[in-house]
Amino acid sequence: GQAWSPQTGPLQTTMSGSSAPVNEQLTELFQELEGLELALVQERNKVHELIEERASRHEAHERDIAELEGMLQIMQQENQRLTVENQRLASEMGAFKPSSKKDSPLVGLVEPLVGAQVIP
């Protein structure tokens, strides 16, 4: 019988029926098979490690996103609060705003310093 090995070619028996070359080729094939099995186990271990690492990174990513969303929500609430406060203060200032500078109750209350430049 013949079997095919990609590295050594077809297994052949000698005309005299000696099985020594076949045994050597079988030994080589089994050694190659053991090497391939070991490589397969190592690759499966790598795949397992990569899957675990990916899951760990995914969990960290989810935590980061949740934390950022929480921070964003706080900032949006603070922005909304400041917007309302700004509108309230603007309306209060509008109520105090005189129609002209002459009517302003603040005109004349503070005297400019001698030699100071007054900005209109």
N, C-alpha and C. Protein backbone atom coordinates (compact mmCIF):
# COMPACT_ATOMS: atom_id res chain seq x y z
N GLY A 1 0.81 -1.18 0.00
CA GLY A 1 0.00 0.00 0.00
C GLY A 1 0.86 1.24 0.00
N GLN A 2 0.25 2.36 -0.47
CA GLN A 2 0.98 3.62 -0.51
C GLN A 2 0.19 4.68 0.24
N ALA A 3 0.93 5.54 0.92
CA ALA A 3 0.35 6.70 1.58
C ALA A 3 1.14 7.91 1.13
N TRP A 4 0.56 9.07 1.18
CA TRP A 4 1.22 10.27 0.70
C TRP A 4 1.62 11.16 1.85
N SER A 5 2.83 11.65 1.84
CA SER A 5 3.30 12.63 2.80
C SER A 5 3.76 13.83 2.00
N PRO A 6 3.32 15.03 2.36
CA PRO A 6 3.70 16.19 1.56
C PRO A 6 5.20 16.47 1.59
N GLN A 7 5.91 15.99 2.60
CA GLN A 7 7.33 16.28 2.70
C GLN A 7 8.20 15.16 2.12
N THR A 8 7.76 13.92 2.28
CA THR A 8 8.64 12.82 1.88
C THR A 8 8.17 12.11 0.62
N GLY A 9 6.96 12.38 0.15
CA GLY A 9 6.46 11.72 -1.05
C GLY A 9 5.78 10.42 -0.68
N PRO A 10 5.45 9.61 -1.67
CA PRO A 10 4.74 8.35 -1.39
C PRO A 10 5.62 7.36 -0.66
N LEU A 11 4.96 6.64 0.25
CA LEU A 11 5.68 5.57 0.94
C LEU A 11 5.78 4.38 0.00
N GLN A 12 6.95 3.80 -0.06
CA GLN A 12 7.12 2.66 -0.97
C GLN A 12 7.85 1.55 -0.24
N THR A 13 7.49 0.36 -0.57
CA THR A 13 8.23 -0.79 -0.03
C THR A 13 9.23 -1.23 -1.08
N THR A 14 10.29 -1.83 -0.61
CA THR A 14 11.32 -2.32 -1.56
C THR A 14 10.86 -3.63 -2.16
N MET A 15 11.47 -4.01 -3.23
CA MET A 15 11.11 -5.24 -3.93
C MET A 15 11.38 -6.46 -3.07
N SER A 16 12.35 -6.37 -2.21
CA SER A 16 12.69 -7.53 -1.40
C SER A 16 11.72 -7.69 -0.23
N GLY A 17 10.79 -6.67 -0.04
CA GLY A 17 9.82 -6.79 1.04
C GLY A 17 10.34 -6.24 2.35
N SER A 18 11.49 -5.63 2.35
CA SER A 18 12.04 -5.07 3.58
C SER A 18 11.17 -3.92 4.05
N SER A 19 10.90 -3.91 5.33
CA SER A 19 10.03 -2.88 5.88
C SER A 19 10.82 -1.80 6.61
N ALA A 20 12.15 -1.84 6.57
CA ALA A 20 12.96 -0.84 7.28
C ALA A 20 12.70 0.57 6.76
N PRO A 21 12.71 0.82 5.45
CA PRO A 21 12.45 2.19 4.98
C PRO A 21 11.03 2.63 5.34
N VAL A 22 10.08 1.73 5.31
CA VAL A 22 8.70 2.08 5.65
C VAL A 22 8.62 2.46 7.12
N ASN A 23 9.30 1.70 7.98
CA ASN A 23 9.29 2.00 9.41
C ASN A 23 9.91 3.37 9.68
N GLU A 24 10.99 3.67 8.97
CA GLU A 24 11.63 4.98 9.15
C GLU A 24 10.69 6.09 8.71
N GLN A 25 10.01 5.88 7.60
CA GLN A 25 9.08 6.89 7.10
C GLN A 25 7.89 7.04 8.05
N LEU A 26 7.40 5.91 8.58
CA LEU A 26 6.30 5.97 9.54
C LEU A 26 6.72 6.72 10.80
N THR A 27 7.94 6.45 11.26
CA THR A 27 8.46 7.14 12.45
C THR A 27 8.52 8.64 12.19
N GLU A 28 9.02 9.02 11.01
CA GLU A 28 9.08 10.43 10.66
C GLU A 28 7.69 11.05 10.60
N LEU A 29 6.74 10.30 10.03
CA LEU A 29 5.37 10.80 9.93
C LEU A 29 4.74 10.98 11.31
N PHE A 30 4.97 10.02 12.19
CA PHE A 30 4.42 10.14 13.54
C PHE A 30 5.06 11.30 14.30
N GLN A 31 6.36 11.51 14.09
CA GLN A 31 7.02 12.65 14.72
C GLN A 31 6.45 13.96 14.18
N GLU A 32 6.23 14.00 12.88
CA GLU A 32 5.64 15.19 12.28
C GLU A 32 4.22 15.40 12.81
N LEU A 33 3.47 14.31 12.93
CA LEU A 33 2.11 14.39 13.47
C LEU A 33 2.12 14.91 14.90
N GLU A 34 3.05 14.40 15.72
CA GLU A 34 3.16 14.89 17.10
C GLU A 34 3.47 16.38 17.11
N GLY A 35 4.38 16.81 16.24
CA GLY A 35 4.70 18.23 16.14
C GLY A 35 3.50 19.06 15.74
N LEU A 36 2.73 18.56 14.78
CA LEU A 36 1.54 19.27 14.35
C LEU A 36 0.48 19.32 15.45
N GLU A 37 0.34 18.21 16.18
CA GLU A 37 -0.62 18.18 17.29
C GLU A 37 -0.21 19.18 18.37
N LEU A 38 1.08 19.25 18.67
CA LEU A 38 1.58 20.21 19.65
C LEU A 38 1.31 21.64 19.17
N ALA A 39 1.58 21.90 17.90
CA ALA A 39 1.33 23.23 17.34
C ALA A 39 -0.17 23.57 17.41
N LEU A 40 -1.01 22.58 17.16
CA LEU A 40 -2.46 22.79 17.23
C LEU A 40 -2.88 23.15 18.66
N VAL A 41 -2.34 22.43 19.63
CA VAL A 41 -2.66 22.71 21.03
C VAL A 41 -2.20 24.12 21.39
N GLN A 42 -1.01 24.51 20.95
CA GLN A 42 -0.50 25.85 21.23
C GLN A 42 -1.38 26.92 20.59
N GLU A 43 -1.80 26.69 19.37
CA GLU A 43 -2.67 27.65 18.69
C GLU A 43 -4.03 27.74 19.38
N ARG A 44 -4.55 26.61 19.83
CA ARG A 44 -5.83 26.65 20.56
C ARG A 44 -5.68 27.44 21.86
N ASN A 45 -4.55 27.27 22.53
CA ASN A 45 -4.29 28.05 23.75
C ASN A 45 -4.22 29.54 23.45
N LYS A 46 -3.56 29.89 22.35
CA LYS A 46 -3.48 31.30 21.95
C LYS A 46 -4.87 31.86 21.66
N VAL A 47 -5.68 31.07 20.95
CA VAL A 47 -7.04 31.50 20.64
C VAL A 47 -7.82 31.72 21.93
N HIS A 48 -7.69 30.80 22.87
CA HIS A 48 -8.39 30.93 24.16
C HIS A 48 -7.94 32.19 24.88
N GLU A 49 -6.63 32.45 24.91
CA GLU A 49 -6.11 33.65 25.56
C GLU A 49 -6.63 34.91 24.87
N LEU A 50 -6.66 34.90 23.55
CA LEU A 50 -7.15 36.06 22.81
C LEU A 50 -8.64 36.30 23.07
N ILE A 51 -9.40 35.22 23.17
CA ILE A 51 -10.83 35.35 23.47
C ILE A 51 -11.02 35.96 24.85
N GLU A 52 -10.24 35.50 25.83
CA GLU A 52 -10.32 36.05 27.18
C GLU A 52 -9.92 37.53 27.19
N GLU A 53 -8.85 37.85 26.47
CA GLU A 53 -8.39 39.24 26.41
C GLU A 53 -9.45 40.13 25.76
N ARG A 54 -10.06 39.62 24.70
CA ARG A 54 -11.11 40.39 24.02
C ARG A 54 -12.29 40.64 24.96
N ALA A 55 -12.68 39.62 25.70
CA ALA A 55 -13.79 39.77 26.64
C ALA A 55 -13.44 40.79 27.72
N SER A 56 -12.22 40.73 28.20
CA SER A 56 -11.77 41.67 29.23
C SER A 56 -11.78 43.10 28.70
N ARG A 57 -11.28 43.27 27.49
CA ARG A 57 -11.27 44.61 26.89
C ARG A 57 -12.69 45.10 26.63
N HIS A 58 -13.57 44.20 26.23
CA HIS A 58 -14.96 44.58 25.99
C HIS A 58 -15.61 45.05 27.29
N GLU A 59 -15.37 44.33 28.38
CA GLU A 59 -15.91 44.73 29.68
C GLU A 59 -15.38 46.10 30.09
N ALA A 60 -14.08 46.32 29.92
CA ALA A 60 -13.48 47.61 30.26
C ALA A 60 -14.08 48.72 29.40
N HIS A 61 -14.29 48.41 28.12
CA HIS A 61 -14.90 49.39 27.22
C HIS A 61 -16.31 49.75 27.68
N GLU A 62 -17.08 48.74 28.05
CA GLU A 62 -18.45 48.98 28.52
C GLU A 62 -18.45 49.83 29.79
N ARG A 63 -17.51 49.55 30.71
CA ARG A 63 -17.40 50.36 31.93
C ARG A 63 -17.04 51.81 31.58
N ASP A 64 -16.10 51.98 30.68
CA ASP A 64 -15.68 53.32 30.28
C ASP A 64 -16.85 54.09 29.66
N ILE A 65 -17.59 53.43 28.78
CA ILE A 65 -18.73 54.07 28.13
C ILE A 65 -19.77 54.47 29.18
N ALA A 66 -20.07 53.59 30.12
CA ALA A 66 -21.05 53.90 31.16
C ALA A 66 -20.58 55.09 32.00
N GLU A 67 -19.31 55.12 32.33
CA GLU A 67 -18.77 56.22 33.12
C GLU A 67 -18.85 57.54 32.33
N LEU A 68 -18.49 57.50 31.06
CA LEU A 68 -18.57 58.70 30.23
C LEU A 68 -20.01 59.17 30.05
N GLU A 69 -20.93 58.24 29.89
CA GLU A 69 -22.34 58.62 29.78
C GLU A 69 -22.83 59.27 31.06
N GLY A 70 -22.40 58.75 32.20
CA GLY A 70 -22.76 59.36 33.48
C GLY A 70 -22.20 60.77 33.59
N MET A 71 -20.94 60.94 33.19
CA MET A 71 -20.34 62.27 33.23
C MET A 71 -21.06 63.22 32.28
N LEU A 72 -21.42 62.74 31.10
CA LEU A 72 -22.15 63.56 30.13
C LEU A 72 -23.50 63.99 30.69
N GLN A 73 -24.19 63.08 31.34
CA GLN A 73 -25.49 63.40 31.91
C GLN A 73 -25.35 64.48 32.98
N ILE A 74 -24.33 64.37 33.83
CA ILE A 74 -24.09 65.39 34.86
C ILE A 74 -23.80 66.74 34.22
N MET A 75 -22.98 66.73 33.17
CA MET A 75 -22.64 67.98 32.49
C MET A 75 -23.87 68.58 31.81
N GLN A 76 -24.73 67.76 31.24
CA GLN A 76 -25.94 68.27 30.60
C GLN A 76 -26.88 68.89 31.65
N GLN A 77 -26.98 68.25 32.81
CA GLN A 77 -27.81 68.80 33.88
C GLN A 77 -27.23 70.12 34.37
N GLU A 78 -25.92 70.19 34.52
CA GLU A 78 -25.27 71.42 34.95
C GLU A 78 -25.46 72.51 33.90
N ASN A 79 -25.35 72.15 32.64
CA ASN A 79 -25.56 73.11 31.55
C ASN A 79 -26.99 73.64 31.58
N GLN A 80 -27.93 72.75 31.79
CA GLN A 80 -29.33 73.16 31.85
C GLN A 80 -29.56 74.09 33.04
N ARG A 81 -28.98 73.74 34.18
CA ARG A 81 -29.13 74.58 35.37
C ARG A 81 -28.53 75.96 35.13
N LEU A 82 -27.35 76.02 34.52
CA LEU A 82 -26.70 77.29 34.26
C LEU A 82 -27.47 78.12 33.23
N THR A 83 -28.07 77.45 32.25
CA THR A 83 -28.87 78.15 31.25
C THR A 83 -30.08 78.81 31.91
N VAL A 84 -30.74 78.09 32.78
CA VAL A 84 -31.91 78.64 33.50
C VAL A 84 -31.46 79.80 34.38
N GLU A 85 -30.35 79.62 35.09
CA GLU A 85 -29.83 80.68 35.95
C GLU A 85 -29.45 81.91 35.12
N ASN A 86 -28.83 81.69 33.97
CA ASN A 86 -28.45 82.79 33.09
C ASN A 86 -29.69 83.55 32.61
N GLN A 87 -30.72 82.82 32.23
CA GLN A 87 -31.96 83.47 31.78
C GLN A 87 -32.60 84.27 32.92
N ARG A 88 -32.57 83.72 34.11
CA ARG A 88 -33.14 84.41 35.27
C ARG A 88 -32.38 85.71 35.53
N LEU A 89 -31.05 85.64 35.52
CA LEU A 89 -30.24 86.83 35.77
C LEU A 89 -30.40 87.86 34.66
N ALA A 90 -30.50 87.39 33.42
CA ALA A 90 -30.69 88.32 32.31
C ALA A 90 -32.02 89.05 32.44
N SER A 91 -33.06 88.35 32.85
CA SER A 91 -34.37 89.01 33.01
C SER A 91 -34.33 89.98 34.19
N GLU A 92 -33.61 89.64 35.27
CA GLU A 92 -33.46 90.57 36.39
C GLU A 92 -32.71 91.83 35.96
N MET A 93 -31.66 91.64 35.17
CA MET A 93 -30.91 92.79 34.69
C MET A 93 -31.76 93.65 33.77
N GLY A 94 -32.59 93.02 32.98
CA GLY A 94 -33.49 93.76 32.10
C GLY A 94 -34.46 94.61 32.89
N ALA A 95 -34.88 94.11 34.03
CA ALA A 95 -35.81 94.87 34.88
C ALA A 95 -35.11 96.08 35.48
N PHE A 96 -33.82 96.01 35.73
CA PHE A 96 -33.07 97.12 36.32
C PHE A 96 -32.49 98.08 35.28
N LYS A 97 -32.50 97.67 34.05
CA LYS A 97 -31.87 98.46 32.99
C LYS A 97 -32.69 99.72 32.73
N PRO A 98 -32.08 100.90 32.86
CA PRO A 98 -32.82 102.14 32.59
C PRO A 98 -32.97 102.34 31.09
N SER A 99 -33.88 103.19 30.73
CA SER A 99 -34.13 103.43 29.32
C SER A 99 -33.02 104.27 28.69
N SER A 100 -32.35 105.11 29.49
CA SER A 100 -31.21 105.88 28.98
C SER A 100 -30.16 105.98 30.07
N LYS A 101 -28.96 106.38 29.70
CA LYS A 101 -27.88 106.48 30.69
C LYS A 101 -28.15 107.59 31.69
N LYS A 102 -28.85 108.65 31.29
CA LYS A 102 -29.15 109.77 32.20
C LYS A 102 -30.06 109.32 33.32
N ASP A 103 -30.94 108.35 33.01
CA ASP A 103 -31.89 107.88 34.01
C ASP A 103 -31.29 106.82 34.93
N SER A 104 -30.08 106.41 34.63
CA SER A 104 -29.46 105.33 35.40
C SER A 104 -29.19 105.78 36.82
N PRO A 105 -29.62 104.99 37.80
CA PRO A 105 -29.35 105.37 39.19
C PRO A 105 -27.86 105.24 39.54
N LEU A 106 -27.08 104.57 38.68
CA LEU A 106 -25.67 104.37 38.97
C LEU A 106 -24.81 105.53 38.49
N VAL A 107 -25.34 106.37 37.59
CA VAL A 107 -24.56 107.47 37.05
C VAL A 107 -24.27 108.45 38.18
N GLY A 108 -23.03 108.80 38.34
CA GLY A 108 -22.63 109.78 39.35
C GLY A 108 -22.34 109.18 40.71
N LEU A 109 -22.64 107.93 40.93
CA LEU A 109 -22.38 107.34 42.24
C LEU A 109 -20.89 107.09 42.45
N VAL A 110 -20.20 106.77 41.38
CA VAL A 110 -18.78 106.51 41.48
C VAL A 110 -18.07 107.61 40.72
N GLU A 111 -17.24 108.36 41.43
CA GLU A 111 -16.51 109.44 40.78
C GLU A 111 -15.22 108.88 40.20
N PRO A 112 -14.88 109.28 38.98
CA PRO A 112 -13.64 108.80 38.40
C PRO A 112 -12.44 109.33 39.17
N LEU A 113 -11.38 108.51 39.19
CA LEU A 113 -10.14 108.93 39.84
C LEU A 113 -9.51 110.05 39.03
N VAL A 114 -8.82 110.94 39.72
CA VAL A 114 -8.16 112.04 39.05
C VAL A 114 -7.05 111.47 38.17
N GLY A 115 -7.06 111.82 36.93
CA GLY A 115 -6.04 111.35 35.97
C GLY A 115 -6.34 109.98 35.40
N ALA A 116 -7.40 109.33 35.83
CA ALA A 116 -7.73 108.01 35.29
C ALA A 116 -8.48 108.17 34.00
N GLN A 117 -8.26 107.27 33.12
CA GLN A 117 -8.96 107.31 31.83
C GLN A 117 -10.32 106.68 32.01
N VAL A 118 -11.36 107.37 31.61
CA VAL A 118 -12.72 106.87 31.71
C VAL A 118 -13.09 106.24 30.39
N ILE A 119 -13.51 105.03 30.44
CA ILE A 119 -13.92 104.31 29.24
C ILE A 119 -15.43 104.46 29.11
N PRO A 120 -15.88 105.01 27.97
CA PRO A 120 -17.34 105.24 27.82
C PRO A 120 -18.10 103.93 27.68
